[in-house]
Amino acid sequence: MGGFATLVGVAWLLGAVNTRRRRAEIGPTYAATGGPVYTAVQLGCAGVLMLIGLGIIVTVGLKALLGG
């Protein structure tokens, strides 16, 4: 489950970067419609999702190592 969350987070991050790159071609319109804020929120959410996934992986790994 943690691996899946991390994978989804990475895909989300790449999608946000790709969207930002495509929108750079129409810079003034992108900026006027709040695009940079939307991209920042996407990047933040992707980062949180990746951290949660890694947290799940670490928790399960520690439980397995400690025999819990």
C-alpha atoms as a PDB file:
ATOM      1  CA  MET A   1       0.000   0.000   0.000  1.00  0.00           C
ATOM      2  CA  GLY A   2       2.849   2.368   0.804  1.00  0.00           C
ATOM      3  CA  GLY A   3       4.553   1.588  -2.493  1.00  0.00           C
ATOM      4  CA  PHE A   4       1.344   2.311  -4.353  1.00  0.00           C
ATOM      5  CA  ALA A   5       0.881   5.647  -2.542  1.00  0.00           C
ATOM      6  CA  THR A   6       4.462   6.597  -3.348  1.00  0.00           C
ATOM      7  CA  LEU A   7       4.009   5.581  -6.982  1.00  0.00           C
ATOM      8  CA  VAL A   8       0.831   7.649  -7.287  1.00  0.00           C
ATOM      9  CA  GLY A   9       2.632  10.606  -5.699  1.00  0.00           C
ATOM     10  CA  VAL A  10       5.496  10.357  -8.186  1.00  0.00           C
ATOM     11  CA  ALA A  11       3.049  10.138 -11.106  1.00  0.00           C
ATOM     12  CA  TRP A  12       1.176  13.160  -9.744  1.00  0.00           C
ATOM     13  CA  LEU A  13       4.435  15.084  -9.396  1.00  0.00           C
ATOM     14  CA  LEU A  14       5.443  14.288 -12.978  1.00  0.00           C
ATOM     15  CA  GLY A  15       1.982  15.299 -14.180  1.00  0.00           C
ATOM     16  CA  ALA A  16       2.262  18.650 -12.418  1.00  0.00           C
ATOM     17  CA  VAL A  17       5.683  19.315 -13.919  1.00  0.00           C
ATOM     18  CA  ASN A  18       4.453  18.311 -17.374  1.00  0.00           C
ATOM     19  CA  THR A  19       1.402  20.583 -17.070  1.00  0.00           C
ATOM     20  CA  ARG A  20       3.627  23.467 -15.963  1.00  0.00           C
ATOM     21  CA  ARG A  21       5.929  22.896 -18.934  1.00  0.00           C
ATOM     22  CA  ARG A  22       3.046  22.852 -21.437  1.00  0.00           C
ATOM     23  CA  ARG A  23       1.435  25.948 -19.954  1.00  0.00           C
ATOM     24  CA  ALA A  24       4.683  27.905 -20.167  1.00  0.00           C
ATOM     25  CA  GLU A  25       3.940  28.349 -23.870  1.00  0.00           C
ATOM     26  CA  ILE A  26       0.973  30.567 -22.983  1.00  0.00           C
ATOM     27  CA  GLY A  27       2.664  32.364 -20.100  1.00  0.00           C
ATOM     28  CA  PRO A  28       0.488  35.475 -19.676  1.00  0.00           C
ATOM     29  CA  THR A  29      -2.768  33.521 -19.745  1.00  0.00           C
ATOM     30  CA  TYR A  30      -1.379  30.830 -17.464  1.00  0.00           C
ATOM     31  CA  ALA A  31      -0.235  33.401 -14.905  1.00  0.00           C
ATOM     32  CA  ALA A  32      -3.465  35.413 -15.088  1.00  0.00           C
ATOM     33  CA  THR A  33      -5.629  32.378 -14.368  1.00  0.00           C
ATOM     34  CA  GLY A  34      -3.713  31.326 -11.257  1.00  0.00           C
ATOM     35  CA  GLY A  35      -1.720  28.568 -12.902  1.00  0.00           C
ATOM     36  CA  PRO A  36       1.403  28.918 -10.749  1.00  0.00           C
ATOM     37  CA  VAL A  37      -0.686  28.575  -7.574  1.00  0.00           C
ATOM     38  CA  TYR A  38      -2.431  25.509  -8.987  1.00  0.00           C
ATOM     39  CA  THR A  39       0.943  23.963  -9.862  1.00  0.00           C
ATOM     40  CA  ALA A  40       2.301  24.689  -6.366  1.00  0.00           C
ATOM     41  CA  VAL A  41      -0.734  23.016  -4.786  1.00  0.00           C
ATOM     42  CA  GLN A  42      -0.323  19.998  -7.071  1.00  0.00           C
ATOM     43  CA  LEU A  43       3.352  19.698  -6.165  1.00  0.00           C
ATOM     44  CA  GLY A  44       2.559  20.011  -2.463  1.00  0.00           C
ATOM     45  CA  CYS A  45      -0.139  17.347  -2.573  1.00  0.00           C
ATOM     46  CA  ALA A  46       2.128  15.011  -4.525  1.00  0.00           C
ATOM     47  CA  GLY A  47       4.892  15.527  -1.983  1.00  0.00           C
ATOM     48  CA  VAL A  48       2.574  14.791   0.932  1.00  0.00           C
ATOM     49  CA  LEU A  49       1.308  11.644  -0.775  1.00  0.00           C
ATOM     50  CA  MET A  50       4.866  10.430  -1.364  1.00  0.00           C
ATOM     51  CA  LEU A  51       5.789  11.105   2.273  1.00  0.00           C
ATOM     52  CA  ILE A  52       2.739   9.192   3.497  1.00  0.00           C
ATOM     53  CA  GLY A  53       3.641   6.269   1.239  1.00  0.00           C
ATOM     54  CA  LEU A  54       7.213   6.251   2.501  1.00  0.00           C
ATOM     55  CA  GLY A  55       5.939   6.492   6.076  1.00  0.00           C
ATOM     56  CA  ILE A  56       3.792   3.408   5.545  1.00  0.00           C
ATOM     57  CA  ILE A  57       6.743   1.531   4.047  1.00  0.00           C
ATOM     58  CA  VAL A  58       9.027   2.475   6.955  1.00  0.00           C
ATOM     59  CA  THR A  59       6.385   1.597   9.559  1.00  0.00           C
ATOM     60  CA  VAL A  60       5.752  -1.826   8.045  1.00  0.00           C
ATOM     61  CA  GLY A  61       9.480  -2.435   7.686  1.00  0.00           C
ATOM     62  CA  LEU A  62      10.157  -1.545  11.315  1.00  0.00           C
ATOM     63  CA  LYS A  63       7.305  -3.740  12.507  1.00  0.00           C
ATOM     64  CA  ALA A  64       8.712  -6.640  10.499  1.00  0.00           C
ATOM     65  CA  LEU A  65      12.229  -6.099  11.857  1.00  0.00           C
ATOM     66  CA  LEU A  66      11.100  -5.757  15.452  1.00  0.00           C
ATOM     67  CA  GLY A  67       8.816  -8.768  15.207  1.00  0.00           C
ATOM     68  CA  GLY A  68       5.641  -6.861  16.005  1.00  0.00           C
END
